[in-house]
Amino acid sequence: MKILYIILGYPINHSNSKCDELKYNNKQLATNSHNSVIFQKEMKKIINNFNTSILKLQKSHSKFHMKKTQFQQESSII
């Protein structure tokens, strides 16, 4: 019996292929998916921290502009 594997949309006949990575390996699949989930969680943490940092920076920048405007108005009154 010939087994067909689909990689990037192209069927490959495994009996003609020397690639061992095409073989179905439950343990390796479980390890890869577990590592992928951990990686996704870490990336989500990094992105959330990055977004929080951006918001803090935007708030402090707007405060700077408010103080600058207030200072310019007060100095123009004199």
PDB file of N, CA and C in Angstrom:
ATOM      1  N   MET A   1       0.848  -1.180   0.000  1.00  0.00           N
ATOM      2  CA  MET A   1       0.000   0.000   0.000  1.00  0.00           C
ATOM      3  C   MET A   1       0.893   1.243   0.000  1.00  0.00           C
ATOM      4  N   LYS A   2       0.554   2.189  -0.823  1.00  0.00           N
ATOM      5  CA  LYS A   2       1.305   3.441  -0.888  1.00  0.00           C
ATOM      6  C   LYS A   2       0.636   4.468   0.018  1.00  0.00           C
ATOM      7  N   ILE A   3       1.451   5.177   0.758  1.00  0.00           N
ATOM      8  CA  ILE A   3       0.933   6.216   1.652  1.00  0.00           C
ATOM      9  C   ILE A   3       1.290   7.567   1.057  1.00  0.00           C
ATOM     10  N   LEU A   4       0.299   8.426   0.936  1.00  0.00           N
ATOM     11  CA  LEU A   4       0.541   9.775   0.417  1.00  0.00           C
ATOM     12  C   LEU A   4       0.567  10.766   1.570  1.00  0.00           C
ATOM     13  N   TYR A   5       1.554  11.625   1.564  1.00  0.00           N
ATOM     14  CA  TYR A   5       1.641  12.708   2.538  1.00  0.00           C
ATOM     15  C   TYR A   5       1.451  14.021   1.795  1.00  0.00           C
ATOM     16  N   ILE A   6       0.751  14.932   2.412  1.00  0.00           N
ATOM     17  CA  ILE A   6       0.523  16.238   1.802  1.00  0.00           C
ATOM     18  C   ILE A   6       1.407  17.258   2.519  1.00  0.00           C
ATOM     19  N   ILE A   7       2.320  17.860   1.776  1.00  0.00           N
ATOM     20  CA  ILE A   7       3.170  18.915   2.338  1.00  0.00           C
ATOM     21  C   ILE A   7       3.039  20.132   1.442  1.00  0.00           C
ATOM     22  N   LEU A   8       2.588  21.216   2.021  1.00  0.00           N
ATOM     23  CA  LEU A   8       2.385  22.456   1.267  1.00  0.00           C
ATOM     24  C   LEU A   8       1.536  22.221   0.027  1.00  0.00           C
ATOM     25  N   GLY A   9       0.573  21.323   0.150  1.00  0.00           N
ATOM     26  CA  GLY A   9      -0.361  21.092  -0.948  1.00  0.00           C
ATOM     27  C   GLY A   9       0.113  20.107  -1.989  1.00  0.00           C
ATOM     28  N   TYR A  10       1.327  19.562  -1.859  1.00  0.00           N
ATOM     29  CA  TYR A  10       1.841  18.628  -2.862  1.00  0.00           C
ATOM     30  C   TYR A  10       1.865  17.217  -2.293  1.00  0.00           C
ATOM     31  N   PRO A  11       1.251  16.251  -2.979  1.00  0.00           N
ATOM     32  CA  PRO A  11       1.300  14.867  -2.495  1.00  0.00           C
ATOM     33  C   PRO A  11       2.697  14.276  -2.699  1.00  0.00           C
ATOM     34  N   ILE A  12       3.169  13.541  -1.710  1.00  0.00           N
ATOM     35  CA  ILE A  12       4.476  12.886  -1.811  1.00  0.00           C
ATOM     36  C   ILE A  12       4.276  11.404  -1.528  1.00  0.00           C
ATOM     37  N   ASN A  13       4.791  10.556  -2.372  1.00  0.00           N
ATOM     38  CA  ASN A  13       4.716   9.122  -2.154  1.00  0.00           C
ATOM     39  C   ASN A  13       5.850   8.746  -1.212  1.00  0.00           C
ATOM     40  N   HIS A  14       5.513   8.329   0.021  1.00  0.00           N
ATOM     41  CA  HIS A  14       6.538   8.092   1.028  1.00  0.00           C
ATOM     42  C   HIS A  14       7.420   6.900   0.683  1.00  0.00           C
ATOM     43  N   SER A  15       6.916   5.952  -0.086  1.00  0.00           N
ATOM     44  CA  SER A  15       7.743   4.789  -0.431  1.00  0.00           C
ATOM     45  C   SER A  15       8.921   5.193  -1.312  1.00  0.00           C
ATOM     46  N   ASN A  16       8.801   6.321  -2.005  1.00  0.00           N
ATOM     47  CA  ASN A  16       9.892   6.802  -2.854  1.00  0.00           C
ATOM     48  C   ASN A  16      10.740   7.853  -2.155  1.00  0.00           C
ATOM     49  N   SER A  17      10.315   8.282  -0.978  1.00  0.00           N
ATOM     50  CA  SER A  17      11.005   9.364  -0.288  1.00  0.00           C
ATOM     51  C   SER A  17      11.957   8.798   0.755  1.00  0.00           C
ATOM     52  N   LYS A  18      13.108   9.424   0.925  1.00  0.00           N
ATOM     53  CA  LYS A  18      14.073   8.994   1.939  1.00  0.00           C
ATOM     54  C   LYS A  18      13.972   9.858   3.193  1.00  0.00           C
ATOM     55  N   CYS A  19      13.010  10.738   3.240  1.00  0.00           N
ATOM     56  CA  CYS A  19      12.879  11.682   4.354  1.00  0.00           C
ATOM     57  C   CYS A  19      12.190  10.998   5.526  1.00  0.00           C
ATOM     58  N   ASP A  20      12.905  10.841   6.648  1.00  0.00           N
ATOM     59  CA  ASP A  20      12.322  10.201   7.827  1.00  0.00           C
ATOM     60  C   ASP A  20      11.340  11.108   8.547  1.00  0.00           C
ATOM     61  N   GLU A  21      11.445  12.417   8.335  1.00  0.00           N
ATOM     62  CA  GLU A  21      10.563  13.355   9.031  1.00  0.00           C
ATOM     63  C   GLU A  21       9.119  13.223   8.574  1.00  0.00           C
ATOM     64  N   LEU A  22       8.904  12.581   7.430  1.00  0.00           N
ATOM     65  CA  LEU A  22       7.539  12.432   6.940  1.00  0.00           C
ATOM     66  C   LEU A  22       6.784  11.328   7.670  1.00  0.00           C
ATOM     67  N   LYS A  23       7.519  10.466   8.369  1.00  0.00           N
ATOM     68  CA  LYS A  23       6.865   9.358   9.063  1.00  0.00           C
ATOM     69  C   LYS A  23       6.074   9.892  10.249  1.00  0.00           C
ATOM     70  N   TYR A  24       4.965   9.256  10.523  1.00  0.00           N
ATOM     71  CA  TYR A  24       4.076   9.660  11.602  1.00  0.00           C
ATOM     72  C   TYR A  24       4.680   9.219  12.930  1.00  0.00           C
ATOM     73  N   ASN A  25       4.976  10.163  13.818  1.00  0.00           N
ATOM     74  CA  ASN A  25       5.597   9.861  15.104  1.00  0.00           C
ATOM     75  C   ASN A  25       4.801  10.582  16.190  1.00  0.00           C
ATOM     76  N   ASN A  26       4.003   9.811  16.937  1.00  0.00           N
ATOM     77  CA  ASN A  26       3.123  10.409  17.954  1.00  0.00           C
ATOM     78  C   ASN A  26       3.894  11.190  19.008  1.00  0.00           C
ATOM     79  N   LYS A  27       4.991  10.616  19.496  1.00  0.00           N
ATOM     80  CA  LYS A  27       5.755  11.268  20.563  1.00  0.00           C
ATOM     81  C   LYS A  27       6.328  12.603  20.083  1.00  0.00           C
ATOM     82  N   GLN A  28       6.878  12.609  18.883  1.00  0.00           N
ATOM     83  CA  GLN A  28       7.458  13.842  18.345  1.00  0.00           C
ATOM     84  C   GLN A  28       6.380  14.890  18.092  1.00  0.00           C
ATOM     85  N   LEU A  29       5.224  14.450  17.579  1.00  0.00           N
ATOM     86  CA  LEU A  29       4.123  15.396  17.348  1.00  0.00           C
ATOM     87  C   LEU A  29       3.667  16.022  18.659  1.00  0.00           C
ATOM     88  N   ALA A  30       3.565  15.200  19.713  1.00  0.00           N
ATOM     89  CA  ALA A  30       3.138  15.718  21.016  1.00  0.00           C
ATOM     90  C   ALA A  30       4.158  16.713  21.552  1.00  0.00           C
ATOM     91  N   THR A  31       5.440  16.389  21.426  1.00  0.00           N
ATOM     92  CA  THR A  31       6.500  17.291  21.899  1.00  0.00           C
ATOM     93  C   THR A  31       6.473  18.604  21.132  1.00  0.00           C
ATOM     94  N   ASN A  32       6.349  18.513  19.812  1.00  0.00           N
ATOM     95  CA  ASN A  32       6.326  19.726  18.992  1.00  0.00           C
ATOM     96  C   ASN A  32       5.127  20.596  19.320  1.00  0.00           C
ATOM     97  N   SER A  33       3.953  19.983  19.497  1.00  0.00           N
ATOM     98  CA  SER A  33       2.763  20.790  19.779  1.00  0.00           C
ATOM     99  C   SER A  33       2.866  21.414  21.164  1.00  0.00           C
ATOM    100  N   HIS A  34       3.435  20.678  22.140  1.00  0.00           N
ATOM    101  CA  HIS A  34       3.618  21.220  23.488  1.00  0.00           C
ATOM    102  C   HIS A  34       4.571  22.416  23.458  1.00  0.00           C
ATOM    103  N   ASN A  35       5.687  22.261  22.755  1.00  0.00           N
ATOM    104  CA  ASN A  35       6.646  23.366  22.633  1.00  0.00           C
ATOM    105  C   ASN A  35       6.023  24.559  21.920  1.00  0.00           C
ATOM    106  N   SER A  36       5.194  24.283  20.944  1.00  0.00           N
ATOM    107  CA  SER A  36       4.526  25.354  20.206  1.00  0.00           C
ATOM    108  C   SER A  36       3.584  26.133  21.114  1.00  0.00           C
ATOM    109  N   VAL A  37       2.843  25.424  21.971  1.00  0.00           N
ATOM    110  CA  VAL A  37       1.920  26.091  22.898  1.00  0.00           C
ATOM    111  C   VAL A  37       2.698  26.968  23.874  1.00  0.00           C
ATOM    112  N   ILE A  38       3.805  26.439  24.404  1.00  0.00           N
ATOM    113  CA  ILE A  38       4.632  27.227  25.333  1.00  0.00           C
ATOM    114  C   ILE A  38       5.175  28.467  24.632  1.00  0.00           C
ATOM    115  N   PHE A  39       5.656  28.305  23.402  1.00  0.00           N
ATOM    116  CA  PHE A  39       6.187  29.432  22.638  1.00  0.00           C
ATOM    117  C   PHE A  39       5.107  30.486  22.403  1.00  0.00           C
ATOM    118  N   GLN A  40       3.883  30.035  22.052  1.00  0.00           N
ATOM    119  CA  GLN A  40       2.785  30.977  21.816  1.00  0.00           C
ATOM    120  C   GLN A  40       2.445  31.744  23.084  1.00  0.00           C
ATOM    121  N   LYS A  41       2.457  31.060  24.242  1.00  0.00           N
ATOM    122  CA  LYS A  41       2.162  31.739  25.507  1.00  0.00           C
ATOM    123  C   LYS A  41       3.225  32.789  25.822  1.00  0.00           C
ATOM    124  N   GLU A  42       4.495  32.436  25.602  1.00  0.00           N
ATOM    125  CA  GLU A  42       5.580  33.385  25.859  1.00  0.00           C
ATOM    126  C   GLU A  42       5.470  34.597  24.933  1.00  0.00           C
ATOM    127  N   MET A  43       5.165  34.357  23.664  1.00  0.00           N
ATOM    128  CA  MET A  43       5.016  35.467  22.721  1.00  0.00           C
ATOM    129  C   MET A  43       3.845  36.359  23.124  1.00  0.00           C
ATOM    130  N   LYS A  44       2.772  35.748  23.609  1.00  0.00           N
ATOM    131  CA  LYS A  44       1.609  36.533  24.041  1.00  0.00           C
ATOM    132  C   LYS A  44       1.984  37.435  25.215  1.00  0.00           C
ATOM    133  N   LYS A  45       2.785  36.888  26.163  1.00  0.00           N
ATOM    134  CA  LYS A  45       3.242  37.700  27.298  1.00  0.00           C
ATOM    135  C   LYS A  45       4.080  38.877  26.816  1.00  0.00           C
ATOM    136  N   ILE A  46       4.991  38.600  25.894  1.00  0.00           N
ATOM    137  CA  ILE A  46       5.867  39.658  25.379  1.00  0.00           C
ATOM    138  C   ILE A  46       5.043  40.740  24.693  1.00  0.00           C
ATOM    139  N   ILE A  47       4.071  40.330  23.877  1.00  0.00           N
ATOM    140  CA  ILE A  47       3.240  41.296  23.147  1.00  0.00           C
ATOM    141  C   ILE A  47       2.393  42.110  24.114  1.00  0.00           C
ATOM    142  N   ASN A  48       1.821  41.452  25.141  1.00  0.00           N
ATOM    143  CA  ASN A  48       1.021  42.180  26.127  1.00  0.00           C
ATOM    144  C   ASN A  48       1.875  43.194  26.880  1.00  0.00           C
ATOM    145  N   ASN A  49       3.085  42.794  27.281  1.00  0.00           N
ATOM    146  CA  ASN A  49       3.986  43.727  27.968  1.00  0.00           C
ATOM    147  C   ASN A  49       4.368  44.886  27.059  1.00  0.00           C
ATOM    148  N   PHE A  50       4.597  44.579  25.795  1.00  0.00           N
ATOM    149  CA  PHE A  50       4.958  45.612  24.825  1.00  0.00           C
ATOM    150  C   PHE A  50       3.817  46.612  24.663  1.00  0.00           C
ATOM    151  N   ASN A  51       2.576  46.093  24.522  1.00  0.00           N
ATOM    152  CA  ASN A  51       1.418  46.981  24.368  1.00  0.00           C
ATOM    153  C   ASN A  51       1.222  47.845  25.604  1.00  0.00           C
ATOM    154  N   THR A  52       1.421  47.269  26.793  1.00  0.00           N
ATOM    155  CA  THR A  52       1.303  48.035  28.035  1.00  0.00           C
ATOM    156  C   THR A  52       2.358  49.133  28.076  1.00  0.00           C
ATOM    157  N   SER A  53       3.568  48.819  27.669  1.00  0.00           N
ATOM    158  CA  SER A  53       4.644  49.814  27.651  1.00  0.00           C
ATOM    159  C   SER A  53       4.334  50.944  26.682  1.00  0.00           C
ATOM    160  N   ILE A  54       3.778  50.602  25.535  1.00  0.00           N
ATOM    161  CA  ILE A  54       3.407  51.624  24.542  1.00  0.00           C
ATOM    162  C   ILE A  54       2.343  52.555  25.123  1.00  0.00           C
ATOM    163  N   LEU A  55       1.338  51.985  25.802  1.00  0.00           N
ATOM    164  CA  LEU A  55       0.287  52.816  26.397  1.00  0.00           C
ATOM    165  C   LEU A  55       0.867  53.757  27.449  1.00  0.00           C
ATOM    166  N   LYS A  56       1.768  53.241  28.292  1.00  0.00           N
ATOM    167  CA  LYS A  56       2.398  54.088  29.310  1.00  0.00           C
ATOM    168  C   LYS A  56       3.187  55.215  28.661  1.00  0.00           C
ATOM    169  N   LEU A  57       3.904  54.895  27.610  1.00  0.00           N
ATOM    170  CA  LEU A  57       4.687  55.905  26.901  1.00  0.00           C
ATOM    171  C   LEU A  57       3.779  56.970  26.293  1.00  0.00           C
ATOM    172  N   GLN A  58       2.665  56.552  25.692  1.00  0.00           N
ATOM    173  CA  GLN A  58       1.729  57.510  25.095  1.00  0.00           C
ATOM    174  C   GLN A  58       1.138  58.425  26.157  1.00  0.00           C
ATOM    175  N   LYS A  59       0.787  57.862  27.326  1.00  0.00           N
ATOM    176  CA  LYS A  59       0.219  58.680  28.396  1.00  0.00           C
ATOM    177  C   LYS A  59       1.232  59.703  28.899  1.00  0.00           C
ATOM    178  N   SER A  60       2.459  59.270  29.125  1.00  0.00           N
ATOM    179  CA  SER A  60       3.469  60.206  29.625  1.00  0.00           C
ATOM    180  C   SER A  60       3.782  61.270  28.575  1.00  0.00           C
ATOM    181  N   HIS A  61       3.742  60.895  27.319  1.00  0.00           N
ATOM    182  CA  HIS A  61       3.995  61.853  26.245  1.00  0.00           C
ATOM    183  C   HIS A  61       2.879  62.894  26.178  1.00  0.00           C
ATOM    184  N   SER A  62       1.638  62.456  26.342  1.00  0.00           N
ATOM    185  CA  SER A  62       0.530  63.419  26.319  1.00  0.00           C
ATOM    186  C   SER A  62       0.604  64.349  27.534  1.00  0.00           C
ATOM    187  N   LYS A  63       1.018  63.814  28.693  1.00  0.00           N
ATOM    188  CA  LYS A  63       1.203  64.667  29.876  1.00  0.00           C
ATOM    189  C   LYS A  63       2.279  65.719  29.612  1.00  0.00           C
ATOM    190  N   PHE A  64       3.348  65.310  28.951  1.00  0.00           N
ATOM    191  CA  PHE A  64       4.415  66.246  28.601  1.00  0.00           C
ATOM    192  C   PHE A  64       3.864  67.379  27.740  1.00  0.00           C
ATOM    193  N   HIS A  65       3.051  67.047  26.741  1.00  0.00           N
ATOM    194  CA  HIS A  65       2.497  68.080  25.859  1.00  0.00           C
ATOM    195  C   HIS A  65       1.537  69.001  26.603  1.00  0.00           C
ATOM    196  N   MET A  66       0.763  68.448  27.538  1.00  0.00           N
ATOM    197  CA  MET A  66      -0.142  69.295  28.323  1.00  0.00           C
ATOM    198  C   MET A  66       0.659  70.282  29.176  1.00  0.00           C
ATOM    199  N   LYS A  67       1.727  69.797  29.814  1.00  0.00           N
ATOM    200  CA  LYS A  67       2.556  70.679  30.637  1.00  0.00           C
ATOM    201  C   LYS A  67       3.261  71.722  29.778  1.00  0.00           C
ATOM    202  N   LYS A  68       3.718  71.314  28.622  1.00  0.00           N
ATOM    203  CA  LYS A  68       4.395  72.236  27.712  1.00  0.00           C
ATOM    204  C   LYS A  68       3.431  73.338  27.270  1.00  0.00           C
ATOM    205  N   THR A  69       2.216  72.957  26.905  1.00  0.00           N
ATOM    206  CA  THR A  69       1.205  73.927  26.481  1.00  0.00           C
ATOM    207  C   THR A  69       0.860  74.871  27.626  1.00  0.00           C
ATOM    208  N   GLN A  70       0.695  74.300  28.820  1.00  0.00           N
ATOM    209  CA  GLN A  70       0.378  75.116  29.984  1.00  0.00           C
ATOM    210  C   GLN A  70       1.512  76.105  30.263  1.00  0.00           C
ATOM    211  N   PHE A  71       2.732  75.663  30.185  1.00  0.00           N
ATOM    212  CA  PHE A  71       3.885  76.536  30.406  1.00  0.00           C
ATOM    213  C   PHE A  71       3.933  77.656  29.364  1.00  0.00           C
ATOM    214  N   GLN A  72       3.676  77.326  28.098  1.00  0.00           N
ATOM    215  CA  GLN A  72       3.688  78.341  27.038  1.00  0.00           C
ATOM    216  C   GLN A  72       2.589  79.379  27.262  1.00  0.00           C
ATOM    217  N   GLN A  73       1.426  78.931  27.701  1.00  0.00           N
ATOM    218  CA  GLN A  73       0.327  79.871  27.957  1.00  0.00           C
ATOM    219  C   GLN A  73       0.660  80.788  29.125  1.00  0.00           C
ATOM    220  N   GLU A  74       1.211  80.202  30.186  1.00  0.00           N
ATOM    221  CA  GLU A  74       1.558  81.011  31.356  1.00  0.00           C
ATOM    222  C   GLU A  74       2.682  81.998  31.037  1.00  0.00           C
ATOM    223  N   SER A  75       3.630  81.583  30.242  1.00  0.00           N
ATOM    224  CA  SER A  75       4.740  82.481  29.920  1.00  0.00           C
ATOM    225  C   SER A  75       4.316  83.562  28.935  1.00  0.00           C
ATOM    226  N   SER A  76       3.309  83.306  28.130  1.00  0.00           N
ATOM    227  CA  SER A  76       2.847  84.331  27.187  1.00  0.00           C
ATOM    228  C   SER A  76       2.002  85.387  27.889  1.00  0.00           C
ATOM    229  N   ILE A  77       1.419  85.048  29.034  1.00  0.00           N
ATOM    230  CA  ILE A  77       0.612  86.010  29.790  1.00  0.00           C
ATOM    231  C   ILE A  77       1.513  87.102  30.352  1.00  0.00           C
ATOM    232  N   ILE A  78       2.691  86.764  30.764  1.00  0.00           N
ATOM    233  CA  ILE A  78       3.609  87.728  31.386  1.00  0.00           C
ATOM    234  C   ILE A  78       4.123  88.697  30.407  1.00  0.00           C
TER     235      ILE A  78
END
